[in-house]
Amino acid sequence: MQRKFFGTDGIRGAANSWPMTAEIAVRAGMAAGLQFTRGDHRHRVVIGKDTRLSGYMIEPALTAGFTSVGMDVILVGPMPTPAVAMLTRSLRADLGVMISASHNPFADNGIKLFGPDGYKLSDKIESEIESRMQADISPHLADPADLGRAMRLDDAPGRYIEAVKATFPADRRLDGLKIIIDCANGAAYKVAPTVLWELEAEVVPVGVEPDGFNINKDCGSVHSEYMREQVVAHGADVGIALDGDADRLILADEHGQVVDGDQLMAAIADHWLETGHLRGGGVVATVMSNLGLERHLTDKGLHMERTQVGDRYVVEHMRRHGFNVGGEQSGHIILSDFGTTGDGLVAALQVLALVVAEGRPVSQVCRRFQPVPQLLKNVRYNGASPLDKPNVSDAIAAQGGRLGDGGRLVIRPSGTEPLIRIMAEGDDDALIHQVVDELAEVIEAAAGEG
């Protein structure tokens, strides 16, 4: 079935425009509530959000939808996406919902759904919810006496803080480390600095003054320049930049140089291999991860398995094949020993534990391989995808042939925006730029033709 509402990470779009309207949110709540009403017990859903202004519209709309089909709602307010996943399991809830558009600007918003096990829903279940959203739900509405109730869980931040701290080795502390933590004016603006402070780091928090409009604005993991500048200005040992819902991170070493998700996965996998904790014989990454990571793992006797872009596809592959380390170059790091989804704060603590154990600076601990030259360019389009045009397909095949066996070409539509993403990598940097630039011209021309 053609997916009408759900993309690669839930429902997402510009706030107060289709499909991110209050009306759609109500129907999503009704449909998801019915989908997960199983048995005679009182059913519960946990709803969290980030700091976007539109959260004030989407949260009550979802609440109305869920309560109308008899499901009780537990509201936790601004909390990271992984906190919602954790609380869904901890509270024995039937469903979890995060209202967020992750790294997107404030004008966008989204709805992410988690099952009772804390994992994001499969394509199959999302398609079933879509079918319910488009059907007549009125026969399934609860009787007046059976309507759901809504309550706020005031100690939700404390519960998550304790869960995150429990992932850090009990015999280690962060005293002696000065840490810049950039919370992107998003969901982790309270909990992230608290976790680091309670583990005895010297904490310099930035991006912790959300006003509804400034989430991800010139800060956070997508715009890490400010965090990197602060590392240098404060003489910090490390910088951590989270995104709007704190399910991913980017690090900076003591020189303000970026450490991306590929390097973080390599560092954690190396350490867990040495300590006997690594499962699956390698790492699960996506088609966007650098070829240098794959070569590094191969040299260690490990392997890398790739999935399509999207952290939930990484998680699904990890669960199916027994891996416990996976993620994306963008900074989604999934450590299944500790959680069911990407958690920027938990991943940061694992790296910090390694830094403390080795007693070496981040620049040495986290630089595990030399990345292969890689270039990514986005082409925006309106209407039908230009990838469907024959001349574009021919150009992609021709340019892929130029890279040969030593390079990779990945062309894919974004799951959240009307963009075509062009990525090429290989040992010849000049050739990589030629391939990407020439393909971008072809796709831009095709997009302009309508």
Protein backbone atom coordinates (compact mmCIF):
# COMPACT_ATOMS: atom_id res chain seq x y z
CA MET A 1 0.00 0.00 0.00
CA GLN A 2 1.23 3.51 -0.84
CA ARG A 3 2.18 5.21 2.43
CA LYS A 4 0.22 8.44 2.77
CA PHE A 5 1.17 9.71 6.22
CA PHE A 6 4.26 7.87 7.45
CA GLY A 7 7.79 8.51 6.14
CA THR A 8 11.10 7.02 7.25
CA ASP A 9 10.64 8.28 10.81
CA GLY A 10 6.96 8.61 11.60
CA ILE A 11 4.71 11.41 10.39
CA ARG A 12 6.48 14.69 9.70
CA GLY A 13 5.86 18.01 7.99
CA ALA A 14 5.38 21.75 8.42
CA ALA A 15 3.30 22.47 11.50
CA ASN A 16 -0.34 23.31 10.86
CA SER A 17 -0.07 22.09 7.28
CA TRP A 18 -0.98 18.64 6.01
CA PRO A 19 -0.12 16.15 7.41
CA MET A 20 0.96 17.90 10.62
CA THR A 21 -2.42 19.38 11.50
CA ALA A 22 -4.42 19.02 14.71
CA GLU A 23 -7.04 17.08 12.77
CA ILE A 24 -4.52 14.51 11.54
CA ALA A 25 -3.01 14.27 15.02
CA VAL A 26 -6.43 13.46 16.48
CA ARG A 27 -6.97 10.75 13.87
CA ALA A 28 -3.46 9.39 14.45
CA GLY A 29 -4.22 9.14 18.16
CA MET A 30 -7.51 7.38 17.52
CA ALA A 31 -6.04 4.95 14.99
CA ALA A 32 -2.89 4.14 16.99
CA GLY A 33 -4.97 3.78 20.14
CA LEU A 34 -7.26 1.26 18.46
CA GLN A 35 -4.28 -0.56 16.96
CA PHE A 36 -2.78 -1.11 20.40
CA THR A 37 -5.94 -1.79 22.39
CA ARG A 38 -5.50 -5.44 23.22
CA GLY A 39 -7.15 -7.12 26.19
CA ASP A 40 -9.40 -5.87 28.99
CA HIS A 41 -6.85 -3.87 31.01
CA ARG A 42 -6.75 -0.07 31.17
CA HIS A 43 -4.57 0.90 28.22
CA ARG A 44 -1.87 3.56 28.50
CA VAL A 45 0.13 5.73 26.13
CA VAL A 46 3.17 7.84 27.07
CA ILE A 47 3.45 11.14 25.20
CA GLY A 48 6.60 13.25 25.17
CA LYS A 49 7.63 16.21 23.05
CA ASP A 50 10.50 18.53 22.26
CA THR A 51 10.40 22.33 22.64
CA ARG A 52 8.74 23.43 19.39
CA LEU A 53 5.88 25.91 19.61
CA SER A 54 3.63 23.55 17.66
CA GLY A 55 3.95 20.94 20.39
CA TYR A 56 1.26 22.90 22.23
CA MET A 57 -1.08 22.10 19.34
CA ILE A 58 -0.09 18.50 18.60
CA GLU A 59 0.06 17.25 22.20
CA PRO A 60 -3.58 18.02 23.14
CA ALA A 61 -4.78 16.82 19.73
CA LEU A 62 -3.12 13.45 20.24
CA THR A 63 -4.43 13.34 23.78
CA ALA A 64 -7.96 13.90 22.52
CA GLY A 65 -7.55 11.12 19.97
CA PHE A 66 -6.25 8.59 22.45
CA THR A 67 -8.75 9.37 25.20
CA SER A 68 -11.64 9.22 22.71
CA VAL A 69 -10.94 5.52 22.13
CA GLY A 70 -10.54 4.83 25.84
CA MET A 71 -6.77 5.00 26.25
CA ASP A 72 -5.24 6.73 29.27
CA VAL A 73 -2.53 9.29 28.50
CA ILE A 74 0.63 9.92 30.52
CA LEU A 75 2.20 13.26 29.60
CA VAL A 76 5.91 13.69 30.32
CA GLY A 77 6.50 17.07 28.66
CA PRO A 78 9.80 17.98 26.98
CA MET A 79 11.91 14.82 27.08
CA PRO A 80 14.35 13.11 24.70
CA THR A 81 13.01 10.52 22.28
CA PRO A 82 14.95 7.69 23.99
CA ALA A 83 13.38 8.73 27.30
CA VAL A 84 9.92 8.18 25.84
CA ALA A 85 10.98 4.74 24.61
CA MET A 86 12.39 3.90 28.05
CA LEU A 87 9.35 5.18 29.95
CA THR A 88 6.97 3.30 27.66
CA ARG A 89 8.58 0.05 28.80
CA SER A 90 9.07 1.13 32.41
CA LEU A 91 5.42 2.14 32.84
CA ARG A 92 4.16 -1.01 31.07
CA ALA A 93 2.41 1.26 28.59
CA ASP A 94 0.85 -0.07 25.40
CA LEU A 95 2.27 2.69 23.23
CA GLY A 96 4.72 5.58 23.28
CA VAL A 97 4.61 8.80 21.24
CA MET A 98 7.28 11.42 20.69
CA ILE A 99 6.24 14.75 19.18
CA SER A 100 9.33 15.99 17.37
CA ALA A 101 10.86 16.69 13.99
CA SER A 102 14.30 15.79 15.34
CA HIS A 103 16.96 17.98 13.67
CA ASN A 104 14.52 20.01 11.53
CA PRO A 105 13.80 23.73 12.14
CA PHE A 106 11.09 24.78 14.59
CA ALA A 107 8.45 25.22 11.86
CA ASP A 108 8.35 21.45 11.29
CA ASN A 109 7.04 18.82 13.65
CA GLY A 110 6.46 15.10 13.67
CA ILE A 111 4.90 12.12 15.43
CA LYS A 112 7.06 9.08 16.23
CA LEU A 113 5.41 5.95 17.61
CA PHE A 114 6.88 3.23 19.83
CA GLY A 115 5.37 -0.14 20.63
CA PRO A 116 5.06 -1.51 24.18
CA ASP A 117 8.57 -2.97 23.85
CA GLY A 118 10.03 0.51 23.29
CA TYR A 119 10.94 -0.12 19.65
CA LYS A 120 9.77 2.01 16.73
CA LEU A 121 6.94 0.48 14.77
CA SER A 122 7.49 -1.65 11.69
CA ASP A 123 6.37 -0.56 8.23
CA LYS A 124 3.60 -3.16 8.44
CA ILE A 125 2.09 -1.77 11.64
CA GLU A 126 2.40 1.82 10.40
CA SER A 127 0.51 0.80 7.24
CA GLU A 128 -2.23 -0.76 9.40
CA ILE A 129 -2.50 2.48 11.39
CA GLU A 130 -2.72 4.42 8.13
CA SER A 131 -5.63 2.22 7.04
CA ARG A 132 -7.44 2.95 10.30
CA MET A 133 -6.79 6.70 9.91
CA GLN A 134 -8.53 6.67 6.54
CA ALA A 135 -11.47 4.54 7.69
CA ASP A 136 -14.58 5.48 9.67
CA ILE A 137 -13.50 5.36 13.31
CA SER A 138 -16.81 6.53 14.82
CA PRO A 139 -18.13 2.99 15.53
CA HIS A 140 -15.07 2.38 17.73
CA LEU A 141 -15.29 5.50 19.91
CA ALA A 142 -15.50 4.84 23.64
CA ASP A 143 -18.72 5.22 25.58
CA PRO A 144 -18.84 8.28 27.85
CA ALA A 145 -18.00 6.23 30.96
CA ASP A 146 -15.06 4.55 29.19
CA LEU A 147 -13.19 7.64 27.99
CA GLY A 148 -9.51 7.76 28.81
CA ARG A 149 -7.91 10.06 31.35
CA ALA A 150 -4.79 12.23 31.07
CA MET A 151 -2.18 12.85 33.76
CA ARG A 152 1.30 14.37 33.99
CA LEU A 153 4.26 12.35 35.24
CA ASP A 154 6.22 14.93 37.19
CA ASP A 155 9.25 12.75 37.95
CA ALA A 156 9.85 11.65 34.36
CA PRO A 157 13.14 13.61 34.04
CA GLY A 158 14.54 12.03 37.20
CA ARG A 159 13.65 8.54 36.03
CA TYR A 160 15.46 9.07 32.73
CA ILE A 161 18.48 10.69 34.39
CA GLU A 162 18.93 7.65 36.64
CA ALA A 163 18.52 5.25 33.72
CA VAL A 164 21.18 7.07 31.69
CA LYS A 165 23.63 7.24 34.59
CA ALA A 166 23.23 3.48 35.11
CA THR A 167 24.86 2.91 31.69
CA PHE A 168 28.09 4.55 32.87
CA PRO A 169 30.59 2.27 34.65
CA ALA A 170 30.06 2.49 38.40
CA ASP A 171 33.80 2.65 39.10
CA ARG A 172 34.42 5.72 36.93
CA ARG A 173 33.70 9.43 37.23
CA LEU A 174 33.97 12.42 34.95
CA ASP A 175 35.79 14.65 37.42
CA GLY A 176 38.67 16.44 35.74
CA LEU A 177 36.85 16.73 32.41
CA LYS A 178 35.46 20.03 31.19
CA ILE A 179 32.56 19.32 28.84
CA ILE A 180 30.61 21.62 26.53
CA ILE A 181 27.09 20.22 26.15
CA ASP A 182 24.96 21.74 23.38
CA CYS A 183 21.33 20.70 23.79
CA ALA A 184 20.09 22.40 20.58
CA ASN A 185 17.50 24.31 22.65
CA GLY A 186 15.65 21.02 22.46
CA ALA A 187 14.26 18.16 24.48
CA ALA A 188 17.40 17.44 26.54
CA TYR A 189 17.99 21.01 27.72
CA LYS A 190 17.45 20.03 31.36
CA VAL A 191 18.40 16.37 31.62
CA ALA A 192 21.68 16.31 29.66
CA PRO A 193 23.61 18.90 31.73
CA THR A 194 22.24 17.29 34.91
CA VAL A 195 23.53 13.83 33.99
CA LEU A 196 27.03 15.15 33.29
CA TRP A 197 27.06 17.27 36.45
CA GLU A 198 25.94 14.35 38.62
CA LEU A 199 28.80 12.30 37.18
CA GLU A 200 31.09 15.12 38.42
CA ALA A 201 32.14 16.73 35.15
CA GLU A 202 32.71 20.46 34.87
CA VAL A 203 29.78 21.32 32.63
CA VAL A 204 29.38 24.29 30.30
CA PRO A 205 25.82 24.07 28.93
CA VAL A 206 24.80 25.87 25.73
CA GLY A 207 21.61 25.65 23.71
CA VAL A 208 19.57 25.38 26.91
CA GLU A 209 17.21 28.35 26.54
CA PRO A 210 14.34 27.12 24.35
CA ASP A 211 11.68 29.65 23.40
CA GLY A 212 9.60 27.57 20.99
CA PHE A 213 11.34 29.00 17.93
CA ASN A 214 15.07 28.36 18.41
CA ILE A 215 15.31 24.57 18.46
CA ASN A 216 18.25 23.51 16.24
CA LYS A 217 18.79 27.14 15.22
CA ASP A 218 22.53 27.64 14.71
CA CYS A 219 23.19 24.99 17.36
CA GLY A 220 23.00 21.28 18.02
CA SER A 221 24.39 18.34 16.09
CA VAL A 222 23.40 19.69 12.66
CA HIS A 223 24.98 23.10 13.32
CA SER A 224 27.90 22.15 15.53
CA GLU A 225 30.03 25.20 14.75
CA TYR A 226 29.00 27.06 17.91
CA MET A 227 29.69 24.05 20.14
CA ARG A 228 33.10 23.61 18.51
CA GLU A 229 33.93 27.28 19.04
CA GLN A 230 32.97 26.97 22.71
CA VAL A 231 35.26 23.98 23.17
CA VAL A 232 38.22 26.07 22.03
CA ALA A 233 37.11 29.22 23.87
CA HIS A 234 36.71 27.39 27.20
CA GLY A 235 39.67 25.07 26.77
CA ALA A 236 37.30 22.14 27.18
CA ASP A 237 38.26 18.50 26.85
CA VAL A 238 35.28 17.58 24.70
CA GLY A 239 32.12 18.99 23.19
CA ILE A 240 28.83 17.14 22.82
CA ALA A 241 26.12 18.41 20.47
CA LEU A 242 22.71 16.75 20.57
CA ASP A 243 19.88 17.29 18.12
CA GLY A 244 16.39 18.56 18.91
CA ASP A 245 15.09 15.30 20.34
CA ALA A 246 18.49 14.09 21.63
CA ASP A 247 18.50 10.73 19.86
CA ARG A 248 21.76 11.57 18.10
CA LEU A 249 24.98 13.43 18.76
CA ILE A 250 28.14 14.82 17.25
CA LEU A 251 31.31 15.15 19.32
CA ALA A 252 34.17 17.62 19.09
CA ASP A 253 37.64 16.84 20.37
CA GLU A 254 39.75 19.19 22.47
CA HIS A 255 40.79 21.06 19.30
CA GLY A 256 37.19 21.66 18.24
CA GLN A 257 37.41 19.10 15.43
CA VAL A 258 34.27 17.09 14.62
CA VAL A 259 33.99 13.42 15.55
CA ASP A 260 31.06 11.96 13.60
CA GLY A 261 28.94 8.87 14.13
CA ASP A 262 31.21 6.62 12.08
CA GLN A 263 34.20 7.37 14.30
CA LEU A 264 32.08 6.92 17.43
CA MET A 265 30.87 3.51 16.26
CA ALA A 266 34.45 2.49 15.51
CA ALA A 267 35.67 3.57 18.97
CA ILE A 268 32.86 1.78 20.80
CA ALA A 269 33.13 -1.36 18.66
CA ASP A 270 36.91 -1.53 19.16
CA HIS A 271 36.55 -1.20 22.92
CA TRP A 272 33.71 -3.69 23.19
CA LEU A 273 35.65 -6.15 21.05
CA GLU A 274 38.61 -5.89 23.44
CA THR A 275 36.39 -6.36 26.51
CA GLY A 276 34.35 -9.19 25.02
CA HIS A 277 31.08 -7.24 24.92
CA LEU A 278 30.69 -6.90 21.14
CA ARG A 279 28.01 -9.14 19.63
CA GLY A 280 27.26 -9.99 16.02
CA GLY A 281 30.85 -9.89 14.87
CA GLY A 282 30.72 -6.29 13.71
CA VAL A 283 28.58 -3.19 13.32
CA VAL A 284 25.34 -2.34 11.53
CA ALA A 285 25.46 0.98 9.63
CA THR A 286 23.64 2.53 6.68
CA VAL A 287 24.51 3.09 3.06
CA MET A 288 25.76 6.56 4.03
CA SER A 289 28.52 5.41 6.39
CA ASN A 290 32.06 6.00 5.19
CA LEU A 291 33.99 3.30 3.38
CA GLY A 292 36.83 4.02 5.78
CA LEU A 293 34.75 2.60 8.64
CA GLU A 294 34.13 -0.57 6.68
CA ARG A 295 37.85 -0.98 5.94
CA HIS A 296 38.74 -0.33 9.60
CA LEU A 297 36.34 -3.01 10.82
CA THR A 298 37.61 -5.47 8.21
CA ASP A 299 41.19 -4.93 9.44
CA LYS A 300 39.95 -5.83 12.95
CA GLY A 301 38.42 -9.07 11.68
CA LEU A 302 34.92 -7.58 11.95
CA HIS A 303 32.34 -6.86 9.31
CA MET A 304 29.92 -4.04 8.59
CA GLU A 305 26.39 -4.69 7.40
CA ARG A 306 24.54 -1.82 5.72
CA THR A 307 20.86 -0.94 5.77
CA GLN A 308 18.81 1.78 4.13
CA VAL A 309 18.92 5.18 5.82
CA GLY A 310 16.90 5.44 9.02
CA ASP A 311 17.84 4.38 12.52
CA ARG A 312 14.84 2.09 12.84
CA TYR A 313 16.10 0.03 9.90
CA VAL A 314 19.44 -0.25 11.66
CA VAL A 315 17.68 -1.37 14.84
CA GLU A 316 15.58 -3.94 12.98
CA HIS A 317 18.71 -5.45 11.40
CA MET A 318 20.51 -5.48 14.75
CA ARG A 319 17.63 -7.32 16.41
CA ARG A 320 17.30 -9.81 13.58
CA HIS A 321 20.99 -10.70 13.44
CA GLY A 322 22.19 -10.28 17.03
CA PHE A 323 24.30 -7.09 16.83
CA ASN A 324 24.59 -4.71 19.77
CA VAL A 325 26.36 -1.75 18.07
CA GLY A 326 24.90 0.13 15.14
CA GLY A 327 24.12 3.57 13.90
CA GLU A 328 24.44 6.28 11.32
CA GLN A 329 27.19 8.66 10.30
CA SER A 330 24.86 11.51 11.32
CA GLY A 331 25.19 10.47 14.95
CA HIS A 332 22.36 8.06 15.66
CA ILE A 333 24.17 5.46 17.76
CA ILE A 334 22.19 2.42 18.87
CA LEU A 335 23.65 0.40 21.73
CA SER A 336 21.10 -2.34 22.29
CA ASP A 337 22.62 -3.35 25.63
CA PHE A 338 21.23 -0.08 26.99
CA GLY A 339 18.18 0.90 24.95
CA THR A 340 15.85 0.32 22.04
CA THR A 341 16.60 3.40 19.98
CA GLY A 342 19.35 5.94 19.36
CA ASP A 343 20.34 7.86 22.50
CA GLY A 344 22.83 10.68 22.11
CA LEU A 345 23.50 10.99 25.82
CA VAL A 346 24.06 7.27 26.40
CA ALA A 347 26.41 7.07 23.40
CA ALA A 348 28.34 10.08 24.68
CA LEU A 349 28.77 8.44 28.09
CA GLN A 350 30.19 5.28 26.51
CA VAL A 351 32.81 7.33 24.70
CA LEU A 352 33.55 9.39 27.81
CA ALA A 353 34.00 6.17 29.81
CA LEU A 354 36.58 5.09 27.25
CA VAL A 355 38.35 8.47 27.46
CA VAL A 356 38.53 8.18 31.25
CA ALA A 357 39.74 4.57 31.10
CA GLU A 358 42.51 5.30 28.61
CA GLY A 359 43.54 8.63 30.11
CA ARG A 360 44.12 10.05 26.65
CA PRO A 361 42.54 13.05 24.90
CA VAL A 362 39.44 12.64 22.73
CA SER A 363 41.46 13.38 19.57
CA GLN A 364 43.45 10.20 20.16
CA VAL A 365 40.68 8.00 21.55
CA CYS A 366 38.13 8.77 18.84
CA ARG A 367 40.23 9.00 15.65
CA ARG A 368 40.07 5.34 14.67
CA PHE A 369 40.41 5.53 10.88
CA GLN A 370 41.12 7.87 7.99
CA PRO A 371 37.84 8.62 6.21
CA VAL A 372 37.66 8.03 2.48
CA PRO A 373 36.83 11.24 0.54
CA GLN A 374 33.05 11.54 0.54
CA LEU A 375 30.77 14.23 -0.86
CA LEU A 376 27.05 14.75 -0.30
CA LYS A 377 24.88 17.18 -2.25
CA ASN A 378 21.12 17.74 -2.02
CA VAL A 379 18.85 18.68 -4.92
CA ARG A 380 15.42 20.08 -4.08
CA TYR A 381 12.45 19.34 -6.31
CA ASN A 382 8.71 19.98 -6.61
CA GLY A 383 6.16 17.49 -7.83
CA ALA A 384 7.18 14.07 -9.09
CA SER A 385 10.62 12.70 -8.26
CA PRO A 386 13.17 13.39 -11.01
CA LEU A 387 14.65 9.95 -10.32
CA ASP A 388 11.82 8.43 -12.36
CA LYS A 389 13.09 9.99 -15.59
CA PRO A 390 15.09 7.74 -17.98
CA ASN A 391 17.88 10.23 -18.61
CA VAL A 392 18.49 10.51 -14.86
CA SER A 393 18.68 6.72 -14.51
CA ASP A 394 21.13 6.57 -17.40
CA ALA A 395 23.31 9.28 -15.85
CA ILE A 396 23.37 7.52 -12.49
CA ALA A 397 24.48 4.26 -14.11
CA ALA A 398 27.19 6.00 -16.11
CA GLN A 399 28.60 7.93 -13.15
CA GLY A 400 28.54 4.84 -10.96
CA GLY A 401 30.64 3.07 -13.58
CA ARG A 402 33.25 5.83 -13.41
CA LEU A 403 33.80 5.13 -9.70
CA GLY A 404 34.52 1.45 -10.30
CA ASP A 405 34.91 -1.15 -7.57
CA GLY A 406 36.87 1.17 -5.29
CA GLY A 407 34.07 3.71 -4.85
CA ARG A 408 30.40 3.97 -4.00
CA LEU A 409 27.50 6.04 -5.33
CA VAL A 410 24.27 6.38 -3.35
CA ILE A 411 21.29 8.28 -4.78
CA ARG A 412 18.17 8.40 -2.63
CA PRO A 413 15.16 10.58 -1.95
CA SER A 414 14.95 12.05 1.54
CA GLY A 415 12.29 10.46 3.70
CA THR A 416 11.41 13.76 5.36
CA GLU A 417 11.89 16.51 2.74
CA PRO A 418 11.47 16.91 -1.07
CA LEU A 419 15.17 16.38 -1.66
CA ILE A 420 17.29 14.01 -3.71
CA ARG A 421 20.47 13.17 -1.83
CA ILE A 422 23.57 12.44 -3.95
CA MET A 423 26.51 10.82 -2.19
CA ALA A 424 29.72 9.53 -3.71
CA GLU A 425 32.92 8.33 -2.11
CA GLY A 426 36.23 6.84 -3.18
CA ASP A 427 39.95 7.34 -3.01
CA ASP A 428 40.05 9.91 -5.86
CA ASP A 429 38.73 13.16 -4.37
CA ALA A 430 38.67 15.04 -7.69
CA LEU A 431 36.67 12.28 -9.36
CA ILE A 432 34.19 12.25 -6.47
CA HIS A 433 33.51 15.96 -6.92
CA GLN A 434 33.08 15.56 -10.68
CA VAL A 435 30.63 12.70 -10.30
CA VAL A 436 28.48 14.48 -7.71
CA ASP A 437 28.49 17.83 -9.50
CA GLU A 438 27.61 16.34 -12.88
CA LEU A 439 24.82 14.21 -11.44
CA ALA A 440 23.44 17.19 -9.54
CA GLU A 441 23.23 19.16 -12.81
CA VAL A 442 21.31 16.35 -14.51
CA ILE A 443 18.89 15.93 -11.60
CA GLU A 444 18.38 19.69 -11.20
CA ALA A 445 17.55 19.97 -14.92
CA ALA A 446 15.11 17.07 -14.67
CA ALA A 447 13.49 18.61 -11.60
CA GLY A 448 13.09 21.93 -13.41
CA GLU A 449 11.26 20.21 -16.26
CA GLY A 450 8.50 19.21 -13.84
